[in-house]
């Protein structure tokens, strides 16, 4: 989303958040350019990405990347769940 400026993004009618790349790191880069799309938001086919750009971003530069996690070993405890 680094080519965009300010707006909000939805996947299949579910908001994945707002973006505003004017918030820059100390190196002058946007503070966030990657956004997580929960698997539960996705359909097997025919997914719809809607981007509302409020300023003058370039939506032709947006890219979608996928990753696959085969096995994640992480300690889990019910004591750490929010109450």
N, C-alpha and C. Protein backbone atom coordinates (compact mmCIF):
# COMPACT_ATOMS: atom_id res chain seq x y z
N UNK A 1 0.81 -1.20 0.00
CA UNK A 1 0.00 0.00 0.00
C UNK A 1 0.86 1.26 0.00
N UNK A 2 2.15 1.12 -0.24
CA UNK A 2 3.02 2.29 -0.17
C UNK A 2 2.76 3.30 -1.28
N UNK A 3 2.05 2.90 -2.35
CA UNK A 3 1.74 3.82 -3.43
C UNK A 3 0.48 4.64 -3.14
N UNK A 4 -0.21 4.30 -2.08
CA UNK A 4 -1.44 4.98 -1.72
C UNK A 4 -1.14 6.05 -0.68
N UNK A 5 -2.14 6.92 -0.41
CA UNK A 5 -1.89 8.01 0.53
C UNK A 5 -2.77 7.93 1.78
N UNK A 6 -4.09 7.90 1.60
CA UNK A 6 -4.98 7.87 2.76
C UNK A 6 -6.30 7.25 2.35
N UNK A 7 -6.79 6.30 3.13
CA UNK A 7 -8.07 5.69 2.82
C UNK A 7 -8.34 4.46 3.66
N UNK A 8 -9.18 3.57 3.12
CA UNK A 8 -9.56 2.34 3.81
C UNK A 8 -9.66 1.22 2.79
N UNK A 9 -9.45 -0.02 3.27
CA UNK A 9 -9.46 -1.19 2.39
C UNK A 9 -10.40 -2.24 2.97
N UNK A 10 -11.17 -2.87 2.07
CA UNK A 10 -12.07 -3.96 2.44
C UNK A 10 -11.77 -5.17 1.56
N UNK A 11 -11.92 -6.35 2.13
CA UNK A 11 -11.86 -7.60 1.39
C UNK A 11 -13.18 -8.32 1.64
N UNK A 12 -13.92 -8.56 0.57
CA UNK A 12 -15.22 -9.22 0.67
C UNK A 12 -16.11 -8.59 1.75
N UNK A 13 -16.21 -7.27 1.70
CA UNK A 13 -17.06 -6.47 2.58
C UNK A 13 -16.59 -6.44 4.03
N UNK A 14 -15.38 -6.91 4.31
CA UNK A 14 -14.81 -6.88 5.66
C UNK A 14 -13.65 -5.88 5.67
N UNK A 15 -13.69 -4.92 6.56
CA UNK A 15 -12.62 -3.93 6.63
C UNK A 15 -11.33 -4.56 7.15
N UNK A 16 -10.23 -4.30 6.45
CA UNK A 16 -8.92 -4.71 6.97
C UNK A 16 -8.16 -3.51 7.51
N UNK A 17 -8.79 -2.34 7.48
CA UNK A 17 -8.21 -1.18 8.14
C UNK A 17 -8.04 0.04 7.26
N UNK A 18 -7.69 1.12 7.95
CA UNK A 18 -7.40 2.39 7.28
C UNK A 18 -5.90 2.48 7.05
N UNK A 19 -5.52 3.28 6.11
CA UNK A 19 -4.10 3.53 5.87
C UNK A 19 -3.90 5.03 5.69
N UNK A 20 -2.75 5.49 6.09
CA UNK A 20 -2.39 6.90 5.95
C UNK A 20 -0.88 6.95 5.95
N UNK A 21 -0.30 6.92 4.77
CA UNK A 21 1.15 6.77 4.66
C UNK A 21 1.92 8.06 4.94
N UNK A 22 1.26 9.11 5.39
CA UNK A 22 2.00 10.31 5.76
C UNK A 22 2.73 10.11 7.08
N UNK A 23 2.37 9.05 7.82
CA UNK A 23 3.11 8.71 9.03
C UNK A 23 4.36 7.96 8.61
N UNK A 24 5.51 8.61 8.69
CA UNK A 24 6.76 8.06 8.17
C UNK A 24 7.70 7.65 9.30
N UNK A 25 8.53 6.65 9.02
CA UNK A 25 9.57 6.25 9.96
C UNK A 25 10.69 7.28 9.92
N UNK A 26 11.67 7.10 10.77
CA UNK A 26 12.81 8.02 10.80
C UNK A 26 13.61 7.98 9.50
N UNK A 27 13.44 6.90 8.70
CA UNK A 27 14.13 6.79 7.41
C UNK A 27 13.28 7.32 6.26
N UNK A 28 12.11 7.89 6.58
CA UNK A 28 11.27 8.49 5.54
C UNK A 28 10.34 7.52 4.83
N UNK A 29 10.22 6.28 5.33
CA UNK A 29 9.33 5.29 4.72
C UNK A 29 8.00 5.25 5.46
N UNK A 30 6.92 4.86 4.78
CA UNK A 30 5.64 4.71 5.47
C UNK A 30 5.78 3.75 6.65
N UNK A 31 5.11 4.05 7.76
CA UNK A 31 5.23 3.21 8.95
C UNK A 31 4.58 1.85 8.76
N UNK A 32 3.63 1.73 7.85
CA UNK A 32 2.99 0.44 7.58
C UNK A 32 2.64 0.36 6.10
N UNK A 33 3.09 -0.72 5.44
CA UNK A 33 2.75 -0.93 4.03
C UNK A 33 2.12 -2.30 3.81
N UNK A 34 2.18 -3.17 4.82
CA UNK A 34 1.60 -4.51 4.70
C UNK A 34 0.40 -4.62 5.62
N UNK A 35 -0.64 -5.28 5.14
CA UNK A 35 -1.86 -5.45 5.92
C UNK A 35 -2.26 -6.92 5.90
N UNK A 36 -2.63 -7.45 7.06
CA UNK A 36 -3.03 -8.84 7.18
C UNK A 36 -4.50 -9.00 6.80
N UNK A 37 -4.77 -9.99 5.96
CA UNK A 37 -6.15 -10.35 5.61
C UNK A 37 -6.43 -11.69 6.27
N UNK A 38 -7.29 -11.73 7.28
CA UNK A 38 -7.59 -13.01 7.92
C UNK A 38 -8.13 -14.03 6.92
N UNK A 39 -7.73 -15.26 7.08
CA UNK A 39 -8.17 -16.32 6.17
C UNK A 39 -9.70 -16.41 6.13
N UNK A 40 -10.35 -16.12 7.26
CA UNK A 40 -11.81 -16.21 7.31
C UNK A 40 -12.49 -15.17 6.42
N UNK A 41 -11.77 -14.12 6.00
CA UNK A 41 -12.33 -13.11 5.10
C UNK A 41 -12.34 -13.58 3.65
N UNK A 42 -11.58 -14.62 3.33
CA UNK A 42 -11.38 -15.03 1.94
C UNK A 42 -12.33 -16.14 1.51
N UNK A 43 -12.72 -16.07 0.25
CA UNK A 43 -13.51 -17.13 -0.39
C UNK A 43 -12.55 -17.99 -1.21
N UNK A 44 -12.94 -19.24 -1.52
CA UNK A 44 -12.09 -20.07 -2.38
C UNK A 44 -11.80 -19.40 -3.73
N UNK A 45 -12.79 -18.69 -4.29
CA UNK A 45 -12.61 -17.94 -5.55
C UNK A 45 -13.47 -16.69 -5.47
N UNK A 46 -13.23 -15.76 -6.38
CA UNK A 46 -14.08 -14.58 -6.51
C UNK A 46 -13.98 -13.59 -5.37
N UNK A 47 -12.79 -13.38 -4.83
CA UNK A 47 -12.62 -12.40 -3.76
C UNK A 47 -12.64 -10.99 -4.33
N UNK A 48 -13.16 -10.05 -3.55
CA UNK A 48 -13.29 -8.66 -3.98
C UNK A 48 -12.49 -7.75 -3.06
N UNK A 49 -11.57 -6.99 -3.64
CA UNK A 49 -10.78 -6.00 -2.92
C UNK A 49 -11.32 -4.62 -3.28
N UNK A 50 -11.73 -3.85 -2.27
CA UNK A 50 -12.23 -2.49 -2.48
C UNK A 50 -11.30 -1.54 -1.75
N UNK A 51 -10.81 -0.53 -2.47
CA UNK A 51 -9.90 0.46 -1.90
C UNK A 51 -10.55 1.83 -2.06
N UNK A 52 -10.75 2.52 -0.94
CA UNK A 52 -11.24 3.89 -0.97
C UNK A 52 -10.04 4.80 -0.74
N UNK A 53 -9.59 5.46 -1.79
CA UNK A 53 -8.45 6.38 -1.70
C UNK A 53 -8.99 7.80 -1.59
N UNK A 54 -8.65 8.49 -0.51
CA UNK A 54 -9.17 9.84 -0.27
C UNK A 54 -8.33 10.93 -0.91
N UNK A 55 -7.09 10.63 -1.26
CA UNK A 55 -6.22 11.65 -1.83
C UNK A 55 -5.84 11.25 -3.26
N UNK A 56 -4.58 11.23 -3.60
CA UNK A 56 -4.17 10.96 -4.98
C UNK A 56 -3.23 9.76 -5.09
N UNK A 57 -3.54 8.67 -4.42
CA UNK A 57 -2.70 7.48 -4.50
C UNK A 57 -2.79 6.81 -5.86
N UNK A 58 -1.90 5.86 -6.11
CA UNK A 58 -1.86 5.13 -7.38
C UNK A 58 -2.24 3.67 -7.15
N UNK A 59 -3.51 3.31 -7.35
CA UNK A 59 -3.96 1.94 -7.09
C UNK A 59 -3.34 0.91 -8.04
N UNK A 60 -2.78 1.34 -9.16
CA UNK A 60 -2.16 0.40 -10.09
C UNK A 60 -0.86 -0.18 -9.52
N UNK A 61 -0.34 0.41 -8.45
CA UNK A 61 0.89 -0.07 -7.84
C UNK A 61 0.65 -0.99 -6.64
N UNK A 62 -0.61 -1.26 -6.30
CA UNK A 62 -0.92 -2.16 -5.18
C UNK A 62 -0.59 -3.59 -5.60
N UNK A 63 0.04 -4.33 -4.71
CA UNK A 63 0.30 -5.75 -4.98
C UNK A 63 -0.22 -6.59 -3.82
N UNK A 64 -0.60 -7.81 -4.13
CA UNK A 64 -1.07 -8.76 -3.12
C UNK A 64 -0.05 -9.88 -3.02
N UNK A 65 0.36 -10.18 -1.81
CA UNK A 65 1.32 -11.25 -1.57
C UNK A 65 0.67 -12.30 -0.68
N UNK A 66 0.98 -13.55 -0.92
CA UNK A 66 0.47 -14.62 -0.07
C UNK A 66 1.63 -15.37 0.56
N UNK A 67 1.37 -15.89 1.74
CA UNK A 67 2.33 -16.76 2.40
C UNK A 67 1.59 -17.99 2.89
N UNK A 68 2.30 -19.08 3.04
CA UNK A 68 1.72 -20.31 3.57
C UNK A 68 2.51 -20.72 4.80
N UNK A 69 1.80 -20.96 5.87
CA UNK A 69 2.43 -21.46 7.09
C UNK A 69 2.10 -22.94 7.18
N UNK A 70 3.12 -23.77 7.11
CA UNK A 70 2.91 -25.21 7.14
C UNK A 70 2.72 -25.69 8.57
N UNK A 71 3.61 -25.28 9.46
CA UNK A 71 3.55 -25.74 10.84
C UNK A 71 4.05 -24.62 11.73
N UNK A 72 3.24 -24.24 12.68
CA UNK A 72 3.63 -23.21 13.62
C UNK A 72 3.61 -23.83 15.00
N UNK A 73 4.76 -23.92 15.62
CA UNK A 73 4.85 -24.43 16.99
C UNK A 73 5.01 -23.25 17.92
N UNK A 74 4.00 -23.05 18.74
CA UNK A 74 4.03 -21.93 19.66
C UNK A 74 3.38 -22.37 20.96
N UNK A 75 3.98 -22.01 22.09
CA UNK A 75 3.33 -22.37 23.35
C UNK A 75 1.99 -21.66 23.46
N UNK A 76 1.01 -22.36 23.95
CA UNK A 76 -0.33 -21.80 24.07
C UNK A 76 -0.85 -22.11 25.46
N UNK A 77 -1.43 -21.14 26.09
CA UNK A 77 -1.98 -21.34 27.41
C UNK A 77 -3.29 -20.58 27.51
N UNK A 78 -4.28 -21.23 28.10
CA UNK A 78 -5.56 -20.56 28.32
C UNK A 78 -5.43 -19.42 29.32
N UNK A 79 -4.35 -19.40 30.09
CA UNK A 79 -4.14 -18.34 31.08
C UNK A 79 -3.82 -17.00 30.42
N UNK A 80 -3.46 -17.01 29.13
CA UNK A 80 -3.09 -15.78 28.44
C UNK A 80 -4.22 -15.22 27.57
N UNK A 81 -5.38 -15.85 27.61
CA UNK A 81 -6.51 -15.36 26.82
C UNK A 81 -7.12 -14.14 27.50
N UNK A 82 -7.63 -13.17 26.72
CA UNK A 82 -8.29 -12.00 27.32
C UNK A 82 -9.54 -12.43 28.08
N UNK A 83 -9.80 -11.76 29.15
CA UNK A 83 -10.99 -12.08 29.97
C UNK A 83 -12.21 -11.38 29.45
